[in-house]
Structure formats: structure tokens, C-alpha cells
Amino acid sequence: MNRPLFVLVSVVGSLFFAGCGQSVGDDCDGGGFICQDAVLALECRDGKLREVQCRGPLGCRESGDTVRCDTSLNGAGDACAVTAEGKGLCSKDGKAMLECRQGVLVETASCSSCTVVDSEVTCQP
């Protein structure tokens, strides 16, 4: 079973974004996240806001200037945050390793058992 993997981002402009009724595709400056709803974050990436799903049981939460997006149940093809680039997680069924590449989760290996311990992904053949 996957351990929850969180994208933890310190958000300098989260209050600015939240107050402006921002939506997907809107222009933005710098980086940052806001929770659009309980299971969806908006990330400022390459000057545009885009969706990042938070499918894990803890969803998307804001606390002060921090946004936490639980991506532990996200799958191949789901968007991933710039802070997750090059990092991995296990598929929902524990039979594949996924990695964030250019803003999208891709399956990088099939395995009989995938586990995450302290952010290290192990994929057993």
C-alpha cells in the first residue's frame, strides 16, 4: 500500500491567488499553489495556472502560507507539481512505479510490489 506522498509547497502568493477568483489557464507570476477545492490544487507553472489533482485521502489543504496536496492515489497521466519533478510514487495497486516528468506522472517500471519509505520508492521485480 502506498504511504501518502505530499507535495508540500511554501506559497508566497497564496492569499493573493485565493482572493482573485483565479481559474485554470489564467496568467500568473512566479510559482505558487492554492486549493481550488478539497481534491484539486492550482499551480502557477510557466506563467499559467494549471490543475494538480490531490486524489489521496488528505486531499488539498491550506494552512497559513503552505498548501499540501496529497498525491498518494494519483495515477499515470495525472498532473504533478514542479516540486515533484523527478520524484516517484507507487501506483494505486502497488504494481508500478510512477515518476513526475515535465509536469505529468508517467509509469517508469512495472513490479510485483512497490513501496514508499521516507520518500524512497522501491519497486520489486
N, C-alpha and C. Protein backbone atom coordinates (compact mmCIF):
# COMPACT_ATOMS: atom_id res chain seq x y z
N MET A 1 0.85 -1.18 0.00
CA MET A 1 0.00 0.00 0.00
C MET A 1 0.89 1.24 0.00
N ASN A 2 0.47 2.23 -0.70
CA ASN A 2 1.23 3.48 -0.77
C ASN A 2 1.18 4.22 0.54
N ARG A 3 2.32 4.76 0.95
CA ARG A 3 2.30 5.74 2.04
C ARG A 3 1.97 7.06 1.39
N PRO A 4 1.23 7.90 2.06
CA PRO A 4 0.90 9.20 1.45
C PRO A 4 2.15 9.97 1.06
N LEU A 5 2.13 10.51 -0.13
CA LEU A 5 3.21 11.36 -0.62
C LEU A 5 2.61 12.74 -0.79
N PHE A 6 3.22 13.69 -0.17
CA PHE A 6 2.67 15.04 -0.19
C PHE A 6 3.55 15.96 -1.01
N VAL A 7 2.90 16.80 -1.75
CA VAL A 7 3.60 17.89 -2.40
C VAL A 7 3.43 19.04 -1.43
N LEU A 8 4.53 19.44 -0.83
CA LEU A 8 4.48 20.50 0.17
C LEU A 8 5.16 21.71 -0.42
N VAL A 9 4.41 22.77 -0.53
CA VAL A 9 4.94 23.96 -1.17
C VAL A 9 4.71 25.15 -0.28
N SER A 10 5.74 25.93 -0.08
CA SER A 10 5.57 27.18 0.63
C SER A 10 5.07 28.19 -0.39
N VAL A 11 3.95 28.78 -0.09
CA VAL A 11 3.29 29.64 -1.07
C VAL A 11 3.37 31.09 -0.63
N VAL A 12 4.15 31.86 -1.35
CA VAL A 12 4.28 33.27 -1.02
C VAL A 12 3.02 34.01 -1.41
N GLY A 13 2.44 33.68 -2.56
CA GLY A 13 1.29 34.43 -3.04
C GLY A 13 -0.03 33.72 -2.89
N SER A 14 -0.16 32.76 -2.00
CA SER A 14 -1.41 32.01 -1.93
C SER A 14 -2.59 32.88 -1.57
N LEU A 15 -2.42 33.83 -0.67
CA LEU A 15 -3.53 34.69 -0.30
C LEU A 15 -3.91 35.60 -1.47
N PHE A 16 -2.92 36.04 -2.24
CA PHE A 16 -3.19 36.86 -3.41
C PHE A 16 -4.04 36.07 -4.41
N PHE A 17 -3.61 34.83 -4.71
CA PHE A 17 -4.35 34.00 -5.66
C PHE A 17 -5.77 33.74 -5.17
N ALA A 18 -5.91 33.36 -3.90
CA ALA A 18 -7.21 32.98 -3.36
C ALA A 18 -8.20 34.13 -3.45
N GLY A 19 -7.75 35.35 -3.28
CA GLY A 19 -8.66 36.48 -3.30
C GLY A 19 -9.05 36.93 -4.68
N CYS A 20 -8.45 36.39 -5.72
CA CYS A 20 -8.69 36.90 -7.06
C CYS A 20 -9.60 36.02 -7.89
N GLY A 21 -10.14 34.94 -7.36
CA GLY A 21 -11.01 34.07 -8.15
C GLY A 21 -10.29 33.48 -9.35
N GLN A 22 -9.05 33.07 -9.18
CA GLN A 22 -8.23 32.52 -10.26
C GLN A 22 -8.81 31.20 -10.75
N SER A 23 -8.57 30.90 -12.03
CA SER A 23 -9.00 29.62 -12.59
C SER A 23 -7.96 29.10 -13.58
N VAL A 24 -8.11 27.85 -13.99
CA VAL A 24 -7.18 27.18 -14.89
C VAL A 24 -7.00 28.02 -16.15
N GLY A 25 -5.74 28.19 -16.55
CA GLY A 25 -5.40 28.92 -17.76
C GLY A 25 -5.14 30.40 -17.56
N ASP A 26 -5.51 30.92 -16.38
CA ASP A 26 -5.25 32.34 -16.11
C ASP A 26 -3.75 32.59 -16.01
N ASP A 27 -3.33 33.79 -16.38
CA ASP A 27 -1.94 34.19 -16.24
C ASP A 27 -1.59 34.32 -14.76
N CYS A 28 -0.33 34.03 -14.43
CA CYS A 28 0.15 34.18 -13.05
C CYS A 28 1.64 34.49 -13.10
N ASP A 29 2.15 34.99 -12.00
CA ASP A 29 3.57 35.32 -11.89
C ASP A 29 4.23 34.41 -10.88
N GLY A 30 5.46 34.00 -11.16
CA GLY A 30 6.24 33.21 -10.20
C GLY A 30 5.68 31.81 -10.07
N GLY A 31 5.75 31.29 -8.87
CA GLY A 31 5.23 29.97 -8.57
C GLY A 31 4.20 30.10 -7.48
N GLY A 32 3.62 29.01 -7.09
CA GLY A 32 2.66 29.03 -6.01
C GLY A 32 1.48 28.13 -6.27
N PHE A 33 0.75 27.87 -5.21
CA PHE A 33 -0.41 26.98 -5.25
C PHE A 33 -1.55 27.58 -4.47
N ILE A 34 -2.75 27.19 -4.82
CA ILE A 34 -3.93 27.41 -4.00
C ILE A 34 -4.78 26.15 -4.11
N CYS A 35 -5.61 25.90 -3.13
CA CYS A 35 -6.58 24.81 -3.22
C CYS A 35 -7.81 25.34 -3.94
N GLN A 36 -8.12 24.77 -5.07
CA GLN A 36 -9.33 25.13 -5.80
C GLN A 36 -10.55 24.55 -5.10
N ASP A 37 -10.41 23.30 -4.62
CA ASP A 37 -11.44 22.64 -3.81
C ASP A 37 -10.76 21.56 -2.99
N ALA A 38 -11.52 20.65 -2.42
CA ALA A 38 -10.96 19.66 -1.49
C ALA A 38 -10.01 18.66 -2.15
N VAL A 39 -10.10 18.47 -3.47
CA VAL A 39 -9.26 17.48 -4.14
C VAL A 39 -8.51 18.05 -5.35
N LEU A 40 -8.41 19.37 -5.44
CA LEU A 40 -7.79 19.98 -6.60
C LEU A 40 -7.01 21.23 -6.21
N ALA A 41 -5.74 21.28 -6.63
CA ALA A 41 -4.91 22.46 -6.41
C ALA A 41 -4.68 23.14 -7.76
N LEU A 42 -4.44 24.44 -7.72
CA LEU A 42 -4.00 25.18 -8.90
C LEU A 42 -2.55 25.58 -8.67
N GLU A 43 -1.69 25.30 -9.64
CA GLU A 43 -0.27 25.62 -9.56
C GLU A 43 0.07 26.64 -10.63
N CYS A 44 0.85 27.63 -10.24
CA CYS A 44 1.36 28.60 -11.21
C CYS A 44 2.64 28.01 -11.80
N ARG A 45 2.57 27.62 -13.07
CA ARG A 45 3.71 26.99 -13.74
C ARG A 45 3.84 27.58 -15.14
N ASP A 46 5.00 28.07 -15.46
CA ASP A 46 5.27 28.67 -16.76
C ASP A 46 4.30 29.81 -17.09
N GLY A 47 3.94 30.57 -16.05
CA GLY A 47 3.12 31.75 -16.26
C GLY A 47 1.63 31.52 -16.39
N LYS A 48 1.17 30.27 -16.23
CA LYS A 48 -0.25 29.92 -16.33
C LYS A 48 -0.66 29.05 -15.16
N LEU A 49 -1.90 29.19 -14.71
CA LEU A 49 -2.42 28.31 -13.67
C LEU A 49 -2.88 27.00 -14.30
N ARG A 50 -2.52 25.89 -13.66
CA ARG A 50 -2.93 24.57 -14.14
C ARG A 50 -3.36 23.71 -12.98
N GLU A 51 -4.18 22.71 -13.26
CA GLU A 51 -4.70 21.81 -12.23
C GLU A 51 -3.67 20.78 -11.82
N VAL A 52 -3.66 20.46 -10.52
CA VAL A 52 -2.92 19.32 -9.99
C VAL A 52 -3.91 18.59 -9.08
N GLN A 53 -4.23 17.35 -9.42
CA GLN A 53 -5.17 16.58 -8.64
C GLN A 53 -4.54 16.15 -7.32
N CYS A 54 -5.36 16.13 -6.27
CA CYS A 54 -4.95 15.70 -4.93
C CYS A 54 -5.86 14.54 -4.54
N ARG A 55 -5.65 13.38 -5.17
CA ARG A 55 -6.57 12.24 -5.05
C ARG A 55 -6.40 11.44 -3.76
N GLY A 56 -5.34 11.68 -3.00
CA GLY A 56 -5.10 10.95 -1.76
C GLY A 56 -6.15 11.30 -0.72
N PRO A 57 -6.22 10.51 0.36
CA PRO A 57 -7.26 10.70 1.37
C PRO A 57 -7.22 12.05 2.08
N LEU A 58 -6.08 12.74 2.07
CA LEU A 58 -6.00 14.03 2.74
C LEU A 58 -6.30 15.20 1.80
N GLY A 59 -6.47 14.93 0.51
CA GLY A 59 -6.88 15.95 -0.45
C GLY A 59 -5.96 17.16 -0.49
N CYS A 60 -6.56 18.34 -0.68
CA CYS A 60 -5.83 19.60 -0.73
C CYS A 60 -6.18 20.42 0.50
N ARG A 61 -5.14 20.91 1.19
CA ARG A 61 -5.35 21.70 2.42
C ARG A 61 -4.42 22.90 2.42
N GLU A 62 -4.94 24.01 2.89
CA GLU A 62 -4.12 25.21 3.08
C GLU A 62 -4.00 25.49 4.56
N SER A 63 -2.80 25.85 4.97
CA SER A 63 -2.55 26.23 6.36
C SER A 63 -1.54 27.36 6.35
N GLY A 64 -2.00 28.56 6.63
CA GLY A 64 -1.11 29.72 6.56
C GLY A 64 -0.64 29.91 5.13
N ASP A 65 0.67 29.92 4.94
CA ASP A 65 1.25 30.10 3.61
C ASP A 65 1.68 28.77 2.98
N THR A 66 1.14 27.66 3.47
CA THR A 66 1.52 26.34 2.98
C THR A 66 0.31 25.64 2.38
N VAL A 67 0.53 24.99 1.24
CA VAL A 67 -0.51 24.17 0.60
C VAL A 67 0.01 22.74 0.58
N ARG A 68 -0.83 21.81 1.01
CA ARG A 68 -0.47 20.39 0.96
C ARG A 68 -1.45 19.69 0.04
N CYS A 69 -0.91 18.97 -0.91
CA CYS A 69 -1.71 18.23 -1.89
C CYS A 69 -1.30 16.77 -1.79
N ASP A 70 -2.22 15.93 -1.31
CA ASP A 70 -1.94 14.50 -1.14
C ASP A 70 -2.09 13.81 -2.49
N THR A 71 -0.98 13.45 -3.10
CA THR A 71 -0.97 12.81 -4.42
C THR A 71 -0.80 11.30 -4.34
N SER A 72 -0.95 10.73 -3.15
CA SER A 72 -0.65 9.31 -2.95
C SER A 72 -1.51 8.37 -3.78
N LEU A 73 -2.68 8.81 -4.25
CA LEU A 73 -3.53 7.94 -5.07
C LEU A 73 -3.63 8.42 -6.51
N ASN A 74 -2.76 9.36 -6.90
CA ASN A 74 -2.75 9.82 -8.28
C ASN A 74 -2.18 8.73 -9.17
N GLY A 75 -2.51 8.78 -10.46
CA GLY A 75 -2.07 7.75 -11.38
C GLY A 75 -1.37 8.31 -12.60
N ALA A 76 -0.88 7.40 -13.45
CA ALA A 76 -0.21 7.79 -14.68
C ALA A 76 -1.12 8.71 -15.48
N GLY A 77 -0.55 9.80 -15.99
CA GLY A 77 -1.30 10.77 -16.76
C GLY A 77 -1.81 11.94 -15.95
N ASP A 78 -1.83 11.81 -14.61
CA ASP A 78 -2.23 12.93 -13.76
C ASP A 78 -1.12 13.97 -13.75
N ALA A 79 -1.51 15.23 -13.57
CA ALA A 79 -0.53 16.30 -13.45
C ALA A 79 0.22 16.17 -12.14
N CYS A 80 1.45 16.67 -12.12
CA CYS A 80 2.23 16.71 -10.88
C CYS A 80 2.91 18.07 -10.78
N ALA A 81 3.23 18.45 -9.58
CA ALA A 81 3.78 19.78 -9.30
C ALA A 81 5.25 19.89 -9.67
N VAL A 82 5.68 21.11 -9.91
CA VAL A 82 7.08 21.36 -10.23
C VAL A 82 7.98 20.87 -9.09
N THR A 83 7.50 20.93 -7.85
CA THR A 83 8.28 20.46 -6.70
C THR A 83 8.40 18.93 -6.66
N ALA A 84 7.61 18.23 -7.47
CA ALA A 84 7.65 16.76 -7.51
C ALA A 84 8.47 16.24 -8.69
N GLU A 85 8.99 17.14 -9.53
CA GLU A 85 9.76 16.71 -10.71
C GLU A 85 10.88 15.75 -10.30
N GLY A 86 10.94 14.61 -10.99
CA GLY A 86 11.97 13.62 -10.74
C GLY A 86 11.70 12.73 -9.54
N LYS A 87 10.62 12.99 -8.82
CA LYS A 87 10.30 12.18 -7.64
C LYS A 87 9.27 11.13 -8.03
N GLY A 88 9.26 10.05 -7.28
CA GLY A 88 8.39 8.94 -7.61
C GLY A 88 7.36 8.62 -6.55
N LEU A 89 6.42 7.77 -6.94
CA LEU A 89 5.45 7.20 -6.05
C LEU A 89 4.96 5.91 -6.67
N CYS A 90 4.18 5.16 -5.93
CA CYS A 90 3.67 3.89 -6.41
C CYS A 90 2.26 4.07 -6.98
N SER A 91 1.92 3.22 -7.94
CA SER A 91 0.56 3.23 -8.46
C SER A 91 -0.39 2.77 -7.37
N LYS A 92 -1.68 3.05 -7.56
CA LYS A 92 -2.69 2.69 -6.55
C LYS A 92 -2.66 1.20 -6.21
N ASP A 93 -2.44 0.35 -7.21
CA ASP A 93 -2.44 -1.10 -6.97
C ASP A 93 -1.08 -1.63 -6.50
N GLY A 94 -0.06 -0.76 -6.41
CA GLY A 94 1.26 -1.18 -5.95
C GLY A 94 2.02 -2.02 -6.94
N LYS A 95 1.62 -1.99 -8.21
CA LYS A 95 2.26 -2.83 -9.24
C LYS A 95 3.11 -2.03 -10.22
N ALA A 96 3.28 -0.74 -9.97
CA ALA A 96 4.09 0.08 -10.86
C ALA A 96 4.68 1.26 -10.11
N MET A 97 5.81 1.73 -10.60
CA MET A 97 6.43 2.94 -10.08
C MET A 97 6.13 4.07 -11.05
N LEU A 98 5.72 5.22 -10.50
CA LEU A 98 5.42 6.40 -11.29
C LEU A 98 6.44 7.48 -10.96
N GLU A 99 6.74 8.33 -11.94
CA GLU A 99 7.66 9.44 -11.71
C GLU A 99 7.10 10.69 -12.37
N CYS A 100 7.31 11.82 -11.71
CA CYS A 100 6.87 13.10 -12.25
C CYS A 100 7.89 13.55 -13.29
N ARG A 101 7.43 13.69 -14.54
CA ARG A 101 8.30 14.13 -15.63
C ARG A 101 7.58 15.21 -16.44
N GLN A 102 8.16 16.37 -16.49
CA GLN A 102 7.63 17.50 -17.23
C GLN A 102 6.16 17.77 -16.89
N GLY A 103 5.85 17.66 -15.59
CA GLY A 103 4.52 18.02 -15.11
C GLY A 103 3.47 16.94 -15.19
N VAL A 104 3.86 15.70 -15.57
CA VAL A 104 2.91 14.60 -15.70
C VAL A 104 3.50 13.34 -15.06
N LEU A 105 2.65 12.58 -14.35
CA LEU A 105 3.10 11.30 -13.80
C LEU A 105 3.15 10.26 -14.92
N VAL A 106 4.31 9.60 -15.05
CA VAL A 106 4.47 8.55 -16.05
C VAL A 106 4.91 7.27 -15.35
N GLU A 107 4.46 6.13 -15.89
CA GLU A 107 4.88 4.85 -15.34
C GLU A 107 6.30 4.58 -15.82
N THR A 108 7.21 4.34 -14.86
CA THR A 108 8.61 4.12 -15.22
C THR A 108 9.05 2.68 -15.03
N ALA A 109 8.26 1.89 -14.29
CA ALA A 109 8.62 0.48 -14.09
C ALA A 109 7.40 -0.29 -13.62
N SER A 110 7.31 -1.54 -14.08
CA SER A 110 6.30 -2.47 -13.56
C SER A 110 6.97 -3.32 -12.50
N CYS A 111 6.23 -3.71 -11.49
CA CYS A 111 6.83 -4.50 -10.44
C CYS A 111 5.77 -5.37 -9.76
N SER A 112 6.25 -6.34 -8.99
CA SER A 112 5.32 -7.18 -8.25
C SER A 112 4.89 -6.50 -6.96
N SER A 113 5.77 -5.60 -6.46
CA SER A 113 5.47 -4.89 -5.22
C SER A 113 6.20 -3.56 -5.21
N CYS A 114 5.45 -2.48 -5.03
CA CYS A 114 6.03 -1.15 -4.97
C CYS A 114 5.74 -0.57 -3.59
N THR A 115 6.76 -0.01 -2.95
CA THR A 115 6.59 0.60 -1.63
C THR A 115 7.31 1.94 -1.57
N VAL A 116 6.81 2.80 -0.69
CA VAL A 116 7.44 4.10 -0.44
C VAL A 116 7.77 4.17 1.04
N VAL A 117 9.06 4.40 1.35
CA VAL A 117 9.50 4.57 2.73
C VAL A 117 10.37 5.81 2.78
N ASP A 118 9.95 6.78 3.59
CA ASP A 118 10.70 8.04 3.71
C ASP A 118 11.01 8.65 2.34
N SER A 119 10.02 8.72 1.49
CA SER A 119 10.12 9.30 0.14
C SER A 119 10.99 8.51 -0.82
N GLU A 120 11.46 7.33 -0.43
CA GLU A 120 12.23 6.47 -1.34
C GLU A 120 11.30 5.38 -1.87
N VAL A 121 11.22 5.28 -3.20
CA VAL A 121 10.36 4.30 -3.85
C VAL A 121 11.17 3.04 -4.17
N THR A 122 10.62 1.88 -3.79
CA THR A 122 11.27 0.61 -4.10
C THR A 122 10.29 -0.21 -4.92
N CYS A 123 10.75 -0.67 -6.07
CA CYS A 123 9.94 -1.47 -7.00
C CYS A 123 10.58 -2.85 -7.12
N GLN A 124 9.94 -3.86 -6.52
CA GLN A 124 10.46 -5.24 -6.57
C GLN A 124 10.03 -5.88 -7.88
N PRO A 125 10.97 -6.51 -8.59
CA PRO A 125 10.63 -7.16 -9.88
C PRO A 125 9.66 -8.32 -9.74
